Amino acid sequence: MQLDSPRPIARIATASDAAEVVRLAGVMFTAMGMDEPDDEWKATATAHFTRRAGDDVIAAVVDHPTEADRLVASGAATVSTHLPTPANPTGAYAYVQWVATDDTFRGRGYARAVMTELLERFDTRGGEVALHATTMGEPLYRSLGFWEGSGALPLRRRSWDPAPGTS
């Protein structure tokens, strides 16, 4: 692919892409205002991705146009089967977690290529795809059909982040 290619090509990642997918996840976390992930997290995340790729984790990536074994964008998701509902009778569910593009490649359609590849895979099995959008990513996700949804209000509970007003 050329640097000035108008349409980036994404592919499904393999376990051998793990370190680069994790590196790009770090780019995402840093862009969100978090500290650079430490080496322990990177090692754990790389081991998880390597072990789970092609099973309950799927990622789409765009290769660097000139550097071998380097990626410029990626998006990773977990896939699972929830209990079926009338709205989602298959129970198929995907949660997109890590979408990132290297700073120098932003604004060229790489994240769109990654998300399009993932959504094509998810659409073949049906079900629901969810994500949490940053301000930077929200316009892309909305253009791909993501919205707040209907039905019950989504809530979360985190052991490390208690609800306001609780002790």
N, C-alpha and C. Protein backbone atom coordinates (compact mmCIF):
# COMPACT_ATOMS: atom_id res chain seq x y z
N MET A 1 0.84 -1.17 0.00
CA MET A 1 0.00 0.00 0.00
C MET A 1 0.89 1.24 0.00
N GLN A 2 0.52 2.21 -0.74
CA GLN A 2 1.25 3.48 -0.81
C GLN A 2 0.81 4.39 0.32
N LEU A 3 1.71 5.28 0.75
CA LEU A 3 1.36 6.24 1.79
C LEU A 3 0.16 7.09 1.39
N ASP A 4 0.06 7.42 0.11
CA ASP A 4 -1.02 8.29 -0.35
C ASP A 4 -2.21 7.50 -0.86
N SER A 5 -2.26 6.20 -0.57
CA SER A 5 -3.36 5.36 -1.01
C SER A 5 -4.68 5.92 -0.50
N PRO A 6 -5.66 6.13 -1.39
CA PRO A 6 -6.92 6.70 -0.94
C PRO A 6 -7.78 5.74 -0.12
N ARG A 7 -7.50 4.46 -0.21
CA ARG A 7 -8.33 3.48 0.49
C ARG A 7 -7.45 2.45 1.19
N PRO A 8 -7.21 2.63 2.48
CA PRO A 8 -6.38 1.67 3.20
C PRO A 8 -7.04 0.29 3.21
N ILE A 9 -6.21 -0.72 3.23
CA ILE A 9 -6.69 -2.10 3.27
C ILE A 9 -6.40 -2.69 4.64
N ALA A 10 -7.44 -3.16 5.30
CA ALA A 10 -7.28 -3.80 6.60
C ALA A 10 -7.34 -5.31 6.41
N ARG A 11 -6.72 -6.02 7.32
CA ARG A 11 -6.75 -7.49 7.33
C ARG A 11 -6.99 -7.94 8.75
N ILE A 12 -7.38 -9.19 8.89
CA ILE A 12 -7.57 -9.76 10.23
C ILE A 12 -6.20 -10.10 10.81
N ALA A 13 -5.98 -9.68 12.03
CA ALA A 13 -4.71 -9.90 12.71
C ALA A 13 -4.55 -11.36 13.11
N THR A 14 -3.32 -11.75 13.27
CA THR A 14 -2.98 -13.07 13.78
C THR A 14 -2.23 -12.89 15.10
N ALA A 15 -1.96 -13.99 15.77
CA ALA A 15 -1.23 -13.93 17.04
C ALA A 15 0.13 -13.27 16.86
N SER A 16 0.73 -13.38 15.68
CA SER A 16 2.05 -12.77 15.45
C SER A 16 1.99 -11.24 15.44
N ASP A 17 0.80 -10.67 15.37
CA ASP A 17 0.63 -9.21 15.41
C ASP A 17 0.45 -8.69 16.83
N ALA A 18 0.47 -9.56 17.81
CA ALA A 18 0.11 -9.19 19.18
C ALA A 18 0.88 -7.99 19.71
N ALA A 19 2.19 -7.98 19.62
CA ALA A 19 2.97 -6.88 20.19
C ALA A 19 2.60 -5.54 19.56
N GLU A 20 2.36 -5.53 18.26
CA GLU A 20 1.99 -4.29 17.59
C GLU A 20 0.57 -3.86 17.93
N VAL A 21 -0.34 -4.80 18.05
CA VAL A 21 -1.71 -4.46 18.44
C VAL A 21 -1.69 -3.86 19.84
N VAL A 22 -0.92 -4.43 20.73
CA VAL A 22 -0.81 -3.91 22.09
C VAL A 22 -0.11 -2.54 22.09
N ARG A 23 0.92 -2.37 21.28
CA ARG A 23 1.58 -1.06 21.17
C ARG A 23 0.56 0.01 20.78
N LEU A 24 -0.26 -0.32 19.78
CA LEU A 24 -1.27 0.64 19.33
C LEU A 24 -2.34 0.87 20.39
N ALA A 25 -2.69 -0.14 21.17
CA ALA A 25 -3.61 0.07 22.29
C ALA A 25 -3.02 1.10 23.24
N GLY A 26 -1.72 1.03 23.46
CA GLY A 26 -1.04 2.03 24.28
C GLY A 26 -1.15 3.43 23.70
N VAL A 27 -1.07 3.53 22.37
CA VAL A 27 -1.25 4.82 21.69
C VAL A 27 -2.66 5.36 22.01
N MET A 28 -3.66 4.47 21.97
CA MET A 28 -5.03 4.86 22.28
C MET A 28 -5.15 5.35 23.72
N PHE A 29 -4.60 4.59 24.67
CA PHE A 29 -4.71 4.99 26.06
C PHE A 29 -4.03 6.34 26.30
N THR A 30 -2.88 6.55 25.69
CA THR A 30 -2.18 7.82 25.83
C THR A 30 -3.00 8.97 25.23
N ALA A 31 -3.62 8.73 24.07
CA ALA A 31 -4.46 9.75 23.43
C ALA A 31 -5.68 10.08 24.30
N MET A 32 -6.08 9.14 25.14
CA MET A 32 -7.21 9.36 26.05
C MET A 32 -6.79 10.10 27.32
N GLY A 33 -5.50 10.44 27.43
CA GLY A 33 -5.01 11.17 28.58
C GLY A 33 -4.46 10.30 29.69
N MET A 34 -4.37 9.00 29.44
CA MET A 34 -3.81 8.09 30.44
C MET A 34 -2.29 8.08 30.32
N ASP A 35 -1.64 7.61 31.37
CA ASP A 35 -0.19 7.43 31.31
C ASP A 35 0.15 6.33 30.32
N GLU A 36 1.36 6.40 29.78
CA GLU A 36 1.86 5.33 28.91
C GLU A 36 1.80 4.02 29.68
N PRO A 37 1.16 2.98 29.11
CA PRO A 37 1.10 1.69 29.82
C PRO A 37 2.50 1.16 30.11
N ASP A 38 2.64 0.55 31.29
CA ASP A 38 3.95 0.03 31.68
C ASP A 38 4.23 -1.33 31.02
N ASP A 39 5.46 -1.77 31.15
CA ASP A 39 5.89 -3.01 30.51
C ASP A 39 5.13 -4.23 31.03
N GLU A 40 4.76 -4.22 32.30
CA GLU A 40 4.01 -5.35 32.85
C GLU A 40 2.65 -5.48 32.16
N TRP A 41 1.95 -4.35 32.00
CA TRP A 41 0.67 -4.38 31.30
C TRP A 41 0.86 -4.84 29.86
N LYS A 42 1.88 -4.32 29.20
CA LYS A 42 2.12 -4.70 27.80
C LYS A 42 2.37 -6.20 27.68
N ALA A 43 3.14 -6.76 28.60
CA ALA A 43 3.43 -8.21 28.57
C ALA A 43 2.15 -9.01 28.81
N THR A 44 1.35 -8.59 29.77
CA THR A 44 0.09 -9.29 30.06
C THR A 44 -0.86 -9.19 28.88
N ALA A 45 -1.02 -7.99 28.33
CA ALA A 45 -1.93 -7.79 27.20
C ALA A 45 -1.47 -8.56 25.97
N THR A 46 -0.16 -8.60 25.72
CA THR A 46 0.38 -9.35 24.59
C THR A 46 0.11 -10.84 24.75
N ALA A 47 0.30 -11.35 25.97
CA ALA A 47 0.03 -12.77 26.23
C ALA A 47 -1.45 -13.08 26.03
N HIS A 48 -2.33 -12.22 26.52
CA HIS A 48 -3.77 -12.41 26.32
C HIS A 48 -4.11 -12.45 24.84
N PHE A 49 -3.63 -11.45 24.11
CA PHE A 49 -3.96 -11.38 22.69
C PHE A 49 -3.44 -12.61 21.95
N THR A 50 -2.20 -12.97 22.22
CA THR A 50 -1.59 -14.12 21.54
C THR A 50 -2.39 -15.40 21.80
N ARG A 51 -2.78 -15.61 23.04
CA ARG A 51 -3.52 -16.81 23.42
C ARG A 51 -4.94 -16.81 22.87
N ARG A 52 -5.57 -15.65 22.78
CA ARG A 52 -6.99 -15.58 22.47
C ARG A 52 -7.32 -15.23 21.02
N ALA A 53 -6.34 -14.75 20.26
CA ALA A 53 -6.59 -14.35 18.86
C ALA A 53 -7.17 -15.51 18.07
N GLY A 54 -8.25 -15.24 17.37
CA GLY A 54 -8.91 -16.28 16.59
C GLY A 54 -9.88 -17.13 17.38
N ASP A 55 -9.93 -16.91 18.68
CA ASP A 55 -10.86 -17.64 19.55
C ASP A 55 -11.95 -16.66 19.97
N ASP A 56 -11.73 -15.98 21.10
CA ASP A 56 -12.73 -15.00 21.53
C ASP A 56 -12.24 -13.56 21.38
N VAL A 57 -11.14 -13.37 20.67
CA VAL A 57 -10.62 -12.04 20.34
C VAL A 57 -10.38 -11.99 18.84
N ILE A 58 -10.81 -10.89 18.24
CA ILE A 58 -10.55 -10.66 16.82
C ILE A 58 -10.06 -9.23 16.69
N ALA A 59 -9.11 -9.04 15.80
CA ALA A 59 -8.60 -7.70 15.54
C ALA A 59 -8.42 -7.53 14.05
N ALA A 60 -8.59 -6.30 13.61
CA ALA A 60 -8.29 -5.93 12.24
C ALA A 60 -7.15 -4.92 12.30
N VAL A 61 -6.26 -5.00 11.34
CA VAL A 61 -5.07 -4.15 11.35
C VAL A 61 -4.77 -3.63 9.95
N VAL A 62 -4.01 -2.53 9.91
CA VAL A 62 -3.48 -2.01 8.66
C VAL A 62 -1.97 -2.01 8.79
N ASP A 63 -1.32 -2.67 7.84
CA ASP A 63 0.15 -2.74 7.85
C ASP A 63 0.77 -1.41 7.49
N HIS A 64 1.95 -1.16 8.04
CA HIS A 64 2.73 0.02 7.69
C HIS A 64 3.10 -0.08 6.22
N PRO A 65 3.03 1.01 5.48
CA PRO A 65 3.29 0.93 4.04
C PRO A 65 4.74 0.64 3.67
N THR A 66 5.68 0.90 4.57
CA THR A 66 7.09 0.69 4.21
C THR A 66 7.89 -0.13 5.23
N GLU A 67 7.39 -0.30 6.45
CA GLU A 67 8.13 -1.02 7.48
C GLU A 67 7.50 -2.38 7.74
N ALA A 68 8.28 -3.42 7.53
CA ALA A 68 7.80 -4.79 7.77
C ALA A 68 7.52 -4.99 9.25
N ASP A 69 6.53 -5.80 9.54
CA ASP A 69 6.17 -6.15 10.91
C ASP A 69 5.76 -4.95 11.76
N ARG A 70 5.30 -3.90 11.12
CA ARG A 70 4.84 -2.71 11.82
C ARG A 70 3.42 -2.41 11.36
N LEU A 71 2.58 -2.02 12.29
CA LEU A 71 1.20 -1.67 11.98
C LEU A 71 1.01 -0.17 12.17
N VAL A 72 0.05 0.41 11.43
CA VAL A 72 -0.26 1.82 11.62
C VAL A 72 -1.63 2.01 12.27
N ALA A 73 -2.46 0.98 12.23
CA ALA A 73 -3.79 1.07 12.85
C ALA A 73 -4.26 -0.32 13.23
N SER A 74 -5.09 -0.37 14.26
CA SER A 74 -5.68 -1.64 14.66
C SER A 74 -6.96 -1.38 15.44
N GLY A 75 -7.77 -2.40 15.48
CA GLY A 75 -8.97 -2.39 16.29
C GLY A 75 -9.18 -3.80 16.78
N ALA A 76 -9.34 -3.98 18.08
CA ALA A 76 -9.49 -5.32 18.65
C ALA A 76 -10.80 -5.40 19.42
N ALA A 77 -11.39 -6.58 19.38
CA ALA A 77 -12.67 -6.80 20.05
C ALA A 77 -12.72 -8.19 20.65
N THR A 78 -13.51 -8.30 21.70
CA THR A 78 -13.83 -9.61 22.25
C THR A 78 -15.18 -10.02 21.67
N VAL A 79 -15.33 -11.30 21.45
CA VAL A 79 -16.60 -11.83 20.94
C VAL A 79 -17.08 -12.89 21.91
N SER A 80 -18.39 -12.91 22.09
CA SER A 80 -18.97 -13.87 23.03
C SER A 80 -20.41 -14.14 22.63
N THR A 81 -21.01 -15.04 23.36
CA THR A 81 -22.43 -15.31 23.17
C THR A 81 -23.12 -15.05 24.49
N HIS A 82 -24.02 -14.09 24.47
CA HIS A 82 -24.84 -13.80 25.64
C HIS A 82 -26.09 -14.66 25.56
N LEU A 83 -26.88 -14.65 26.59
CA LEU A 83 -28.16 -15.33 26.52
C LEU A 83 -29.00 -14.66 25.44
N PRO A 84 -29.78 -15.41 24.68
CA PRO A 84 -30.57 -14.81 23.62
C PRO A 84 -31.68 -13.92 24.17
N THR A 85 -32.03 -12.93 23.40
CA THR A 85 -33.16 -12.06 23.72
C THR A 85 -34.04 -11.97 22.48
N PRO A 86 -35.27 -11.47 22.61
CA PRO A 86 -36.08 -11.29 21.40
C PRO A 86 -35.40 -10.37 20.38
N ALA A 87 -34.66 -9.37 20.86
CA ALA A 87 -33.98 -8.45 19.94
C ALA A 87 -32.71 -9.06 19.36
N ASN A 88 -32.07 -9.97 20.08
CA ASN A 88 -30.82 -10.61 19.63
C ASN A 88 -30.96 -12.12 19.86
N PRO A 89 -31.73 -12.79 18.99
CA PRO A 89 -32.03 -14.21 19.23
C PRO A 89 -30.81 -15.14 19.16
N THR A 90 -29.72 -14.71 18.52
CA THR A 90 -28.53 -15.55 18.49
C THR A 90 -27.68 -15.37 19.75
N GLY A 91 -27.86 -14.24 20.42
CA GLY A 91 -27.03 -13.93 21.58
C GLY A 91 -25.62 -13.50 21.21
N ALA A 92 -25.32 -13.42 19.90
CA ALA A 92 -23.98 -13.02 19.46
C ALA A 92 -23.69 -11.59 19.91
N TYR A 93 -22.49 -11.39 20.44
CA TYR A 93 -22.12 -10.10 21.00
C TYR A 93 -20.64 -9.86 20.75
N ALA A 94 -20.30 -8.64 20.40
CA ALA A 94 -18.90 -8.23 20.26
C ALA A 94 -18.72 -6.90 20.96
N TYR A 95 -17.60 -6.75 21.62
CA TYR A 95 -17.27 -5.49 22.26
C TYR A 95 -15.93 -5.01 21.72
N VAL A 96 -15.96 -3.89 21.02
CA VAL A 96 -14.75 -3.31 20.43
C VAL A 96 -14.05 -2.51 21.52
N GLN A 97 -12.78 -2.87 21.79
CA GLN A 97 -12.05 -2.24 22.88
C GLN A 97 -10.92 -1.33 22.43
N TRP A 98 -10.08 -1.78 21.58
CA TRP A 98 -8.85 -1.04 21.26
C TRP A 98 -8.88 -0.62 19.81
N VAL A 99 -9.17 0.63 19.53
CA VAL A 99 -9.07 1.17 18.17
C VAL A 99 -8.08 2.31 18.23
N ALA A 100 -7.03 2.21 17.43
CA ALA A 100 -5.99 3.24 17.46
C ALA A 100 -5.29 3.34 16.12
N THR A 101 -4.84 4.54 15.84
CA THR A 101 -4.02 4.82 14.66
C THR A 101 -2.81 5.61 15.13
N ASP A 102 -1.64 5.25 14.64
CA ASP A 102 -0.45 6.04 14.95
C ASP A 102 -0.69 7.49 14.56
N ASP A 103 -0.17 8.41 15.38
CA ASP A 103 -0.41 9.84 15.18
C ASP A 103 -0.16 10.31 13.75
N THR A 104 0.94 9.89 13.16
CA THR A 104 1.30 10.39 11.83
C THR A 104 0.42 9.85 10.71
N PHE A 105 -0.43 8.88 11.02
CA PHE A 105 -1.31 8.28 10.00
C PHE A 105 -2.79 8.64 10.22
N ARG A 106 -3.08 9.46 11.22
CA ARG A 106 -4.48 9.81 11.51
C ARG A 106 -5.07 10.66 10.39
N GLY A 107 -6.38 10.53 10.26
CA GLY A 107 -7.10 11.33 9.28
C GLY A 107 -7.03 10.82 7.85
N ARG A 108 -6.58 9.59 7.67
CA ARG A 108 -6.43 9.02 6.33
C ARG A 108 -7.35 7.83 6.07
N GLY A 109 -8.24 7.54 7.00
CA GLY A 109 -9.19 6.45 6.81
C GLY A 109 -8.74 5.10 7.35
N TYR A 110 -7.67 5.06 8.11
CA TYR A 110 -7.17 3.79 8.63
C TYR A 110 -8.11 3.19 9.68
N ALA A 111 -8.60 4.02 10.60
CA ALA A 111 -9.52 3.51 11.61
C ALA A 111 -10.83 3.05 10.96
N ARG A 112 -11.28 3.76 9.94
CA ARG A 112 -12.49 3.34 9.22
C ARG A 112 -12.26 1.99 8.55
N ALA A 113 -11.10 1.78 7.96
CA ALA A 113 -10.80 0.50 7.32
C ALA A 113 -10.80 -0.63 8.35
N VAL A 114 -10.22 -0.38 9.50
CA VAL A 114 -10.17 -1.37 10.58
C VAL A 114 -11.58 -1.70 11.05
N MET A 115 -12.37 -0.67 11.33
CA MET A 115 -13.73 -0.89 11.83
C MET A 115 -14.60 -1.56 10.77
N THR A 116 -14.44 -1.19 9.51
CA THR A 116 -15.23 -1.80 8.44
C THR A 116 -14.93 -3.29 8.34
N GLU A 117 -13.67 -3.65 8.44
CA GLU A 117 -13.28 -5.07 8.40
C GLU A 117 -13.89 -5.83 9.58
N LEU A 118 -13.80 -5.25 10.77
CA LEU A 118 -14.39 -5.91 11.94
C LEU A 118 -15.90 -6.04 11.79
N LEU A 119 -16.57 -4.98 11.37
CA LEU A 119 -18.03 -5.02 11.27
C LEU A 119 -18.49 -6.01 10.20
N GLU A 120 -17.74 -6.13 9.12
CA GLU A 120 -18.10 -7.14 8.11
C GLU A 120 -18.05 -8.53 8.72
N ARG A 121 -17.05 -8.82 9.53
CA ARG A 121 -16.95 -10.12 10.21
C ARG A 121 -18.11 -10.31 11.19
N PHE A 122 -18.40 -9.27 11.97
CA PHE A 122 -19.46 -9.38 12.96
C PHE A 122 -20.83 -9.51 12.30
N ASP A 123 -21.04 -8.78 11.22
CA ASP A 123 -22.35 -8.81 10.55
C ASP A 123 -22.69 -10.19 10.00
N THR A 124 -21.68 -10.99 9.65
CA THR A 124 -21.97 -12.33 9.12
C THR A 124 -22.57 -13.23 10.18
N ARG A 125 -22.26 -12.97 11.45
CA ARG A 125 -22.82 -13.81 12.51
C ARG A 125 -24.03 -13.18 13.17
N GLY A 126 -24.31 -11.90 12.85
CA GLY A 126 -25.45 -11.23 13.45
C GLY A 126 -25.16 -10.86 14.89
N GLY A 127 -26.12 -10.26 15.52
CA GLY A 127 -25.96 -9.91 16.92
C GLY A 127 -25.68 -8.45 17.14
N GLU A 128 -25.10 -8.17 18.28
CA GLU A 128 -24.87 -6.81 18.73
C GLU A 128 -23.38 -6.52 18.80
N VAL A 129 -23.02 -5.30 18.44
CA VAL A 129 -21.65 -4.81 18.58
C VAL A 129 -21.71 -3.54 19.43
N ALA A 130 -20.91 -3.49 20.47
CA ALA A 130 -20.91 -2.33 21.36
C ALA A 130 -19.48 -1.81 21.50
N LEU A 131 -19.39 -0.56 21.91
CA LEU A 131 -18.10 0.07 22.19
C LEU A 131 -18.34 1.30 23.03
N HIS A 132 -17.29 1.83 23.57
CA HIS A 132 -17.31 3.13 24.23
C HIS A 132 -16.49 4.06 23.35
N ALA A 133 -17.08 5.19 22.99
CA ALA A 133 -16.43 6.10 22.06
C ALA A 133 -15.77 7.27 22.79
N THR A 134 -14.56 7.59 22.37
CA THR A 134 -13.95 8.84 22.80
C THR A 134 -14.54 9.96 21.94
N THR A 135 -14.31 11.18 22.34
CA THR A 135 -14.78 12.33 21.55
C THR A 135 -14.17 12.27 20.15
N MET A 136 -12.90 11.87 20.05
CA MET A 136 -12.23 11.79 18.76
C MET A 136 -12.85 10.72 17.88
N GLY A 137 -13.22 9.58 18.45
CA GLY A 137 -13.73 8.48 17.66
C GLY A 137 -15.23 8.50 17.39
N GLU A 138 -15.98 9.26 18.17
CA GLU A 138 -17.44 9.23 18.06
C GLU A 138 -17.97 9.51 16.65
N PRO A 139 -17.48 10.51 15.93
CA PRO A 139 -18.02 10.74 14.58
C PRO A 139 -17.84 9.53 13.65
N LEU A 140 -16.71 8.86 13.74
CA LEU A 140 -16.48 7.66 12.93
C LEU A 140 -17.50 6.59 13.28
N TYR A 141 -17.65 6.30 14.56
CA TYR A 141 -18.55 5.23 14.98
C TYR A 141 -20.00 5.53 14.60
N ARG A 142 -20.41 6.77 14.78
CA ARG A 142 -21.78 7.14 14.38
C ARG A 142 -21.96 6.98 12.87
N SER A 143 -20.94 7.33 12.09
CA SER A 143 -21.06 7.18 10.63
C SER A 143 -21.15 5.71 10.21
N LEU A 144 -20.70 4.82 11.09
CA LEU A 144 -20.78 3.38 10.83
C LEU A 144 -22.04 2.74 11.41
N GLY A 145 -22.94 3.57 11.94
CA GLY A 145 -24.22 3.06 12.41
C GLY A 145 -24.35 2.86 13.91
N PHE A 146 -23.35 3.23 14.68
CA PHE A 146 -23.46 3.10 16.14
C PHE A 146 -24.34 4.22 16.69
N TRP A 147 -25.12 3.89 17.70
CA TRP A 147 -25.96 4.86 18.36
C TRP A 147 -26.22 4.40 19.78
N GLU A 148 -26.96 5.18 20.54
CA GLU A 148 -27.19 4.86 21.95
C GLU A 148 -28.04 3.61 22.12
N GLY A 149 -28.85 3.28 21.15
CA GLY A 149 -29.70 2.10 21.25
C GLY A 149 -31.01 2.40 21.94
N SER A 150 -31.85 1.40 21.95
CA SER A 150 -33.13 1.53 22.62
C SER A 150 -33.17 0.52 23.74
N GLY A 151 -34.16 0.64 24.57
CA GLY A 151 -34.28 -0.31 25.68
C GLY A 151 -33.71 0.26 26.96
N ALA A 152 -33.27 -0.61 27.81
CA ALA A 152 -32.81 -0.23 29.15
C ALA A 152 -31.52 0.59 29.09
N LEU A 153 -31.39 1.49 30.04
CA LEU A 153 -30.21 2.32 30.18
C LEU A 153 -29.01 1.45 30.55
N PRO A 154 -27.92 1.52 29.78
CA PRO A 154 -26.74 0.72 30.17
C PRO A 154 -26.06 1.34 31.39
N LEU A 155 -25.79 0.52 32.36
CA LEU A 155 -25.09 0.94 33.58
C LEU A 155 -23.86 0.05 33.75
N ARG A 156 -22.93 0.50 34.56
CA ARG A 156 -21.76 -0.33 34.82
C ARG A 156 -21.40 -0.27 36.29
N ARG A 157 -20.69 -1.28 36.73
CA ARG A 157 -20.17 -1.36 38.08
C ARG A 157 -18.73 -1.81 37.98
N ARG A 158 -17.84 -1.05 38.62
CA ARG A 158 -16.41 -1.36 38.59
C ARG A 158 -15.89 -1.47 40.02
N SER A 159 -15.17 -2.54 40.31
CA SER A 159 -14.63 -2.71 41.65
C SER A 159 -13.62 -1.63 42.00
N TRP A 160 -12.95 -1.09 41.03
CA TRP A 160 -11.91 -0.09 41.27
C TRP A 160 -12.42 1.34 41.12
N ASP A 161 -13.68 1.52 40.74
CA ASP A 161 -14.23 2.86 40.45
C ASP A 161 -15.66 2.92 40.99
N PRO A 162 -15.81 3.10 42.31
CA PRO A 162 -17.16 3.04 42.89
C PRO A 162 -18.04 4.18 42.41
N ALA A 163 -19.33 3.93 42.43
CA ALA A 163 -20.30 4.92 42.02
C ALA A 163 -20.23 6.14 42.94
N PRO A 164 -20.47 7.33 42.40
CA PRO A 164 -20.48 8.52 43.25
C PRO A 164 -21.46 8.37 44.40
N GLY A 165 -21.06 8.81 45.57
CA GLY A 165 -21.94 8.76 46.74
C GLY A 165 -21.90 7.44 47.49
N THR A 166 -21.09 6.48 47.02
CA THR A 166 -20.95 5.22 47.75
C THR A 166 -19.59 5.18 48.40
N SER A 167 -19.48 4.36 49.41
CA SER A 167 -18.17 4.28 50.07
C SER A 167 -17.46 3.02 49.78
